Amino acid sequence: MSKEEAIEVEGTVIKALSNAKFSVGIQNGHIIIAYPAGKMRKFSIKILPGDKVTVALSPYDLGKGRITFRHKG
C-alpha cells in the first residue's frame, strides 16, 4: 500500500496558537490548524501572523495541516 499524496494549498497565517501551532485561513475560506514542518523548525524559520504560507493537508483530515513553505514579502 502506498501513502496518499498530500494536498498543497496556499493560505495566510491568522494567529499564532500555543505549542508552535498556527491558525491558517486558506483560499476557499476555511480555517485550519497547522504546524511547521521539521526543516522549518530545524533552520529556525519564523512564522508571524499575516505571512503567506504553503500548507500540506492530509486527505484523511482536512482540518489539520503542515506548513511547508513561507513566502517572502
C-alpha atoms as a PDB file:
ATOM      1  CA  MET A   1       0.000   0.000   0.000  1.00  0.00           C
ATOM      2  CA  SER A   2       1.239   3.462  -0.809  1.00  0.00           C
ATOM      3  CA  LYS A   3       0.611   6.614   1.151  1.00  0.00           C
ATOM      4  CA  GLU A   4      -1.873   9.135  -0.124  1.00  0.00           C
ATOM      5  CA  GLU A   5      -0.412  12.302  -1.617  1.00  0.00           C
ATOM      6  CA  ALA A   6      -0.668  15.500   0.425  1.00  0.00           C
ATOM      7  CA  ILE A   7      -2.896  18.305  -0.864  1.00  0.00           C
ATOM      8  CA  GLU A   8      -0.944  21.568  -1.200  1.00  0.00           C
ATOM      9  CA  VAL A   9      -2.842  24.837  -0.667  1.00  0.00           C
ATOM     10  CA  GLU A  10      -1.820  28.424  -0.012  1.00  0.00           C
ATOM     11  CA  GLY A  11      -3.091  30.461   2.888  1.00  0.00           C
ATOM     12  CA  THR A  12      -2.433  33.284   5.321  1.00  0.00           C
ATOM     13  CA  VAL A  13      -1.496  32.874   8.970  1.00  0.00           C
ATOM     14  CA  ILE A  14      -4.277  34.401  11.079  1.00  0.00           C
ATOM     15  CA  LYS A  15      -2.868  33.920  14.567  1.00  0.00           C
ATOM     16  CA  ALA A  16      -0.243  32.005  16.497  1.00  0.00           C
ATOM     17  CA  LEU A  17      -1.511  29.392  18.934  1.00  0.00           C
ATOM     18  CA  SER A  18       0.300  27.555  21.713  1.00  0.00           C
ATOM     19  CA  ASN A  19       2.799  24.728  21.102  1.00  0.00           C
ATOM     20  CA  ALA A  20       4.048  26.126  17.760  1.00  0.00           C
ATOM     21  CA  LYS A  21       0.675  25.766  16.050  1.00  0.00           C
ATOM     22  CA  PHE A  22      -0.968  28.347  13.840  1.00  0.00           C
ATOM     23  CA  SER A  23      -4.457  29.196  12.686  1.00  0.00           C
ATOM     24  CA  VAL A  24      -4.313  29.482   8.880  1.00  0.00           C
ATOM     25  CA  GLY A  25      -7.023  30.787   6.570  1.00  0.00           C
ATOM     26  CA  ILE A  26      -6.875  29.037   3.199  1.00  0.00           C
ATOM     27  CA  GLN A  27      -8.125  30.301  -0.161  1.00  0.00           C
ATOM     28  CA  ASN A  28     -11.588  28.724  -0.066  1.00  0.00           C
ATOM     29  CA  GLY A  29     -12.456  30.471   3.205  1.00  0.00           C
ATOM     30  CA  HIS A  30     -11.857  27.627   5.661  1.00  0.00           C
ATOM     31  CA  ILE A  31      -9.651  27.988   8.732  1.00  0.00           C
ATOM     32  CA  ILE A  32      -7.314  25.123   9.624  1.00  0.00           C
ATOM     33  CA  ILE A  33      -4.775  24.356  12.347  1.00  0.00           C
ATOM     34  CA  ALA A  34      -1.214  23.944  11.036  1.00  0.00           C
ATOM     35  CA  TYR A  35       2.226  23.293  12.472  1.00  0.00           C
ATOM     36  CA  PRO A  36       5.630  23.986  10.886  1.00  0.00           C
ATOM     37  CA  ALA A  37       7.410  21.165   9.085  1.00  0.00           C
ATOM     38  CA  GLY A  38      10.588  19.681  10.555  1.00  0.00           C
ATOM     39  CA  LYS A  39      13.001  21.565   8.271  1.00  0.00           C
ATOM     40  CA  MET A  40      11.353  24.875   9.225  1.00  0.00           C
ATOM     41  CA  ARG A  41      11.937  24.092  12.899  1.00  0.00           C
ATOM     42  CA  LYS A  42      15.481  22.887  12.246  1.00  0.00           C
ATOM     43  CA  PHE A  43      16.520  26.115  10.498  1.00  0.00           C
ATOM     44  CA  SER A  44      14.505  28.363  12.874  1.00  0.00           C
ATOM     45  CA  ILE A  45      12.297  29.919  10.186  1.00  0.00           C
ATOM     46  CA  LYS A  46       9.990  32.343  11.959  1.00  0.00           C
ATOM     47  CA  ILE A  47       6.295  32.472  11.091  1.00  0.00           C
ATOM     48  CA  LEU A  48       4.254  35.522  12.055  1.00  0.00           C
ATOM     49  CA  PRO A  49       0.561  36.408  11.668  1.00  0.00           C
ATOM     50  CA  GLY A  50      -0.030  37.851   8.213  1.00  0.00           C
ATOM     51  CA  ASP A  51       2.568  35.669   6.457  1.00  0.00           C
ATOM     52  CA  LYS A  52       1.595  33.823   3.289  1.00  0.00           C
ATOM     53  CA  VAL A  53       2.390  30.119   3.596  1.00  0.00           C
ATOM     54  CA  THR A  54       2.022  26.853   1.702  1.00  0.00           C
ATOM     55  CA  VAL A  55       0.237  24.141   3.700  1.00  0.00           C
ATOM     56  CA  ALA A  56       0.240  20.393   3.007  1.00  0.00           C
ATOM     57  CA  LEU A  57      -3.083  18.837   4.023  1.00  0.00           C
ATOM     58  CA  SER A  58      -3.635  15.153   4.638  1.00  0.00           C
ATOM     59  CA  PRO A  59      -6.502  13.709   2.594  1.00  0.00           C
ATOM     60  CA  TYR A  60      -7.724  11.960   5.762  1.00  0.00           C
ATOM     61  CA  ASP A  61      -8.171  15.098   7.905  1.00  0.00           C
ATOM     62  CA  LEU A  62      -8.676  18.358   6.021  1.00  0.00           C
ATOM     63  CA  GLY A  63      -8.813  20.405   9.236  1.00  0.00           C
ATOM     64  CA  LYS A  64      -5.122  19.972  10.096  1.00  0.00           C
ATOM     65  CA  GLY A  65      -2.002  20.576   8.061  1.00  0.00           C
ATOM     66  CA  ARG A  66       1.752  21.098   7.953  1.00  0.00           C
ATOM     67  CA  ILE A  67       3.318  24.424   6.926  1.00  0.00           C
ATOM     68  CA  THR A  68       5.967  23.545   4.339  1.00  0.00           C
ATOM     69  CA  PHE A  69       6.953  26.954   2.935  1.00  0.00           C
ATOM     70  CA  ARG A  70       6.822  30.624   3.989  1.00  0.00           C
ATOM     71  CA  HIS A  71       6.557  33.037   1.043  1.00  0.00           C
ATOM     72  CA  LYS A  72       8.688  36.176   1.025  1.00  0.00           C
ATOM     73  CA  GLY A  73       7.127  39.587   1.082  1.00  0.00           C
END
